Amino acid sequence: MLRIITTEKTDLGQIREWMKEDPWHSHLPNQTAEELLTGAGLLCFCIQDDKGPIVFVRFDKDDDENLLRISTQFAPESEVSKRRLVVSLTRSLVPMIIKFGKDNKFDGAVYESVSSKLIEFMSKFGFRPAGNNDYMLAFEV
């Protein structure tokens, strides 16, 4: 069973470890674990299942457009299988992006990535290239 939970200071150690092990995020000097704690951004949360945390998420308003910007920190594959991750994205994260975005009157959602696997997976939900390594999903009016 998937749950959306708040992120707290007790999660910082795990988030930092995941960031260090993440080849897509470990080189980014301006990213901190504290940015993923509940209270930061528009909304921060963790998706977990019966085995534990799967992904930490932050929603923000994009600076340039009326878009919901999504930031994530995924668990290392050594801790969370691809199957668990796919289930959490499909059943929780993507529906939550759409619901939160539409409920808050955003025109769409956007995320930045250079991970070909993530880009390919998210394209199945309608995310398309938007330039500068951004991928956008336009919400229906």
Protein backbone atom coordinates (compact mmCIF):
# COMPACT_ATOMS: atom_id res chain seq x y z
CA MET A 1 0.00 0.00 0.00
CA LEU A 2 1.37 3.41 -0.97
CA ARG A 3 1.28 6.35 1.44
CA ILE A 4 2.08 10.03 1.10
CA ILE A 5 3.83 11.20 4.27
CA THR A 6 5.42 14.41 5.50
CA THR A 7 9.18 14.72 5.42
CA GLU A 8 10.84 15.59 8.70
CA LYS A 9 14.30 16.38 10.05
CA THR A 10 14.70 12.68 10.88
CA ASP A 11 14.66 12.02 7.09
CA LEU A 12 17.69 14.23 6.41
CA GLY A 13 20.28 11.46 6.82
CA GLN A 14 18.50 9.22 4.35
CA ILE A 15 17.95 12.01 1.83
CA ARG A 16 21.65 12.99 2.03
CA GLU A 17 22.73 9.37 1.49
CA TRP A 18 20.44 9.02 -1.50
CA MET A 19 21.79 12.28 -2.96
CA LYS A 20 25.39 11.08 -2.59
CA GLU A 21 24.58 7.80 -4.34
CA ASP A 22 22.58 9.44 -7.13
CA PRO A 23 24.66 9.88 -10.31
CA TRP A 24 22.13 12.43 -11.62
CA HIS A 25 22.13 14.67 -8.51
CA SER A 26 25.39 14.11 -6.62
CA HIS A 27 27.28 16.68 -8.74
CA LEU A 28 24.78 19.50 -8.14
CA PRO A 29 26.33 21.82 -5.53
CA ASN A 30 23.21 23.91 -4.90
CA GLN A 31 20.94 21.03 -3.94
CA THR A 32 20.41 20.28 -0.24
CA ALA A 33 18.44 17.67 1.66
CA GLU A 34 16.71 20.41 3.65
CA GLU A 35 14.96 21.55 0.47
CA LEU A 36 12.91 18.33 0.55
CA LEU A 37 11.51 18.80 4.06
CA THR A 38 7.83 19.52 4.58
CA GLY A 39 7.43 23.29 4.82
CA ALA A 40 9.76 24.04 1.91
CA GLY A 41 8.36 24.89 -1.52
CA LEU A 42 4.64 24.63 -2.19
CA LEU A 43 4.55 21.02 -1.02
CA CYS A 44 7.14 18.44 0.04
CA PHE A 45 6.40 14.82 0.82
CA CYS A 46 7.67 11.25 0.68
CA ILE A 47 6.01 8.36 -1.08
CA GLN A 48 6.49 5.12 0.80
CA ASP A 49 5.14 1.61 0.72
CA ASP A 50 5.14 -1.18 3.30
CA LYS A 51 8.90 -1.62 2.82
CA GLY A 52 9.74 2.06 3.39
CA PRO A 53 10.48 5.32 1.52
CA ILE A 54 10.68 5.25 -2.28
CA VAL A 55 10.99 8.88 -3.38
CA PHE A 56 11.13 12.34 -1.81
CA VAL A 57 9.28 15.03 -3.77
CA ARG A 58 9.04 18.82 -3.84
CA PHE A 59 6.54 20.95 -5.76
CA ASP A 60 7.27 24.61 -6.59
CA LYS A 61 5.83 27.29 -8.85
CA ASP A 62 8.10 27.65 -11.87
CA ASP A 63 9.77 31.07 -12.00
CA ASP A 64 9.01 31.78 -15.66
CA GLU A 65 5.59 30.31 -16.37
CA ASN A 66 2.42 29.15 -14.62
CA LEU A 67 3.81 25.64 -14.26
CA LEU A 68 4.18 23.28 -11.35
CA ARG A 69 7.89 22.40 -11.07
CA ILE A 70 8.62 18.92 -9.72
CA SER A 71 11.87 17.96 -7.99
CA THR A 72 12.54 14.41 -6.82
CA GLN A 73 15.12 12.40 -5.01
CA PHE A 74 14.80 8.72 -5.83
CA ALA A 75 16.18 5.94 -3.69
CA PRO A 76 19.21 4.07 -5.02
CA GLU A 77 18.30 0.95 -6.98
CA SER A 78 20.14 -1.08 -4.33
CA GLU A 79 17.40 -0.02 -1.85
CA VAL A 80 14.30 0.30 -4.02
CA SER A 81 13.60 -1.95 -6.98
CA LYS A 82 12.55 -0.50 -10.32
CA ARG A 83 9.20 -2.23 -9.86
CA ARG A 84 8.51 -0.42 -6.57
CA LEU A 85 9.55 2.88 -8.14
CA VAL A 86 7.35 2.38 -11.22
CA VAL A 87 4.36 1.47 -9.04
CA SER A 88 4.86 4.59 -6.87
CA LEU A 89 5.22 6.88 -9.90
CA THR A 90 2.26 5.38 -11.72
CA ARG A 91 -0.18 5.07 -8.83
CA SER A 92 0.82 8.04 -6.66
CA LEU A 93 3.20 10.64 -8.03
CA VAL A 94 1.84 11.24 -11.52
CA PRO A 95 -1.82 11.34 -10.37
CA MET A 96 -0.82 13.67 -7.53
CA ILE A 97 1.06 15.99 -9.94
CA ILE A 98 -2.03 16.25 -12.13
CA LYS A 99 -4.51 16.70 -9.26
CA PHE A 100 -2.39 19.23 -7.34
CA GLY A 101 -1.55 21.12 -10.53
CA LYS A 102 -5.13 21.36 -11.75
CA ASP A 103 -6.54 22.12 -8.27
CA ASN A 104 -4.06 25.00 -7.96
CA LYS A 105 -4.78 26.33 -11.46
CA PHE A 106 -1.40 25.58 -13.03
CA ASP A 107 -1.23 25.30 -16.83
CA GLY A 108 0.96 22.22 -16.60
CA ALA A 109 3.82 20.52 -14.81
CA VAL A 110 7.53 20.50 -15.58
CA TYR A 111 10.62 18.66 -14.40
CA GLU A 112 14.29 18.78 -15.35
CA SER A 113 16.24 15.64 -16.17
CA VAL A 114 19.07 14.19 -18.21
CA SER A 115 18.18 10.59 -17.28
CA SER A 116 17.09 8.88 -20.49
CA LYS A 117 15.21 6.20 -18.53
CA LEU A 118 13.19 8.75 -16.54
CA ILE A 119 12.52 10.86 -19.63
CA GLU A 120 11.30 7.82 -21.58
CA PHE A 121 9.13 6.62 -18.69
CA MET A 122 7.52 10.02 -18.06
CA SER A 123 6.80 10.46 -21.78
CA LYS A 124 4.21 7.67 -21.36
CA PHE A 125 2.18 10.14 -19.27
CA GLY A 126 2.44 12.94 -21.82
CA PHE A 127 5.58 14.80 -20.70
CA ARG A 128 7.30 16.32 -23.74
CA PRO A 129 10.61 18.18 -24.26
CA ALA A 130 10.36 21.87 -23.35
CA GLY A 131 14.02 22.91 -23.81
CA ASN A 132 16.92 23.20 -21.36
CA ASN A 133 16.53 19.59 -20.16
CA ASP A 134 12.96 20.39 -19.07
CA TYR A 135 10.01 18.10 -19.80
CA MET A 136 6.47 19.44 -19.59
CA LEU A 137 2.97 18.06 -19.30
CA ALA A 138 0.25 20.51 -20.35
CA PHE A 139 -2.98 20.17 -18.40
CA GLU A 140 -6.23 20.01 -20.34
CA VAL A 141 -8.39 23.09 -19.99
